[in-house]
């Protein structure tokens, strides 16, 4: 970038601030579509603003080709523009804002006031570049949207399986079956050696690695592998962030591999949360926020789902097992493999040494809806996006009520609304609300 000697102008390139081909900065297709859909749709045949009755079967290109009512600032006037033009305006406006910010910084670096004085010309980009801005922004919008133009619009705002694909890339091969002494493996692995159905050892594992350190490396997880039907079942388990007294967080991974190929078929990650007795939801927020953004989200979502009284009861008396990640590869979806994997994992978790029963916490939404733009979307689209999560919750509720799992209770939380950011947005509002109500 270059600068001119004129105190009131700048030759910072405006067009270079537009996202280029393969650029890592700039809006995603979902950002553009959500911005467009936040406007009222205009039906030319009816000559009036008229939303779509359904978005099922609607492609990204169809939605972006629709016309929308575009307000002209605060004038109270509006014009009708196709979605692609509105998306281009969104990109152009961001570039113009960034240009102005850089121009202010440039002036300040030269010892001038950021905003020109009244007797100076206003800051303005090169006129030739300004004339090209909208056309070039439209090219950017097309470049961003073209790869998904033929995809269902709903797919832009669905998140199920996205994180899971990354999760399943982890290498689970080669986990040794005899990683730890037999006495330290999860109790289910010892079932065949039990006499008269009684456990030989009440404390099946050492939570802090203080006992038997000569034959158990606390930096390595408990692990074993066994064959279950056509799959190899692998499970690892370890404590994380051990704190004082009985406050601790554990993570368990369970994976099904196809026995013949060793291809990952399904995987689940469970967070085992055990905290000191609570007197308020603020206690849970303080405690879990020390672990991670995900755990802060769990505290906030649990508060929203359970309310303060029930929250304190559940977390004070149970070890809460949160399904952090759960994924099934495409060839096996709909076959009940994920449910079977979860069942096997829960049966093999080490029992709580203090005898707390397990409570299973499930969040269907993260596997269904990207919540970043949710409130901008038309009501009918929001309802259609909620439908898969509702079906999943109904399926899980039905299964959990019939299954004989080692859990005392289960509950659902709206985890997708809480991104774990902690300092902005809805999380901050929830934290403020909790702290104010319990001060």
Foldseek 3Di string as FASTA:
>chain_A
DDADPALAEGADQLLVLFADVVRPDDDALLVLLLQLQLFFFADVVVRGGDDDPALVVPFSQNQQQTKGWADDPPPPDTDIDGSLLVSLVVRLVVSVVVVLVVQLVVSVVVVHHSADDPVGDHYDYDPVSVVCRSVSSSVSSCSNCVVRRGPRPQVSWWAAPVVVVVVQVDDPPDDAAPLAPPQQFFQVVCQVVDDPRDGPDLQSHDQVCPPPVVGDPLVAWRWHWDDDPQWIKIKTKHWPDDDPDPFTKMKMKIWTARNVPRRTFKIWIKIWGAHAQDPWLLVQLVRQLVPALLSNLVSLQCCVFQPTVRSNVDRNQAGEIEGPDIDGDDVCPPVCPRVVRVQVRQVRDHQDSVRRFYEYEYELRSNQGQPPSLVSHDPNSNVVSCVVSVVVVVVVVVVVVPDDGRHPYYTYTNSNLRPSPCPDDPSVVSSVVRVVVVD
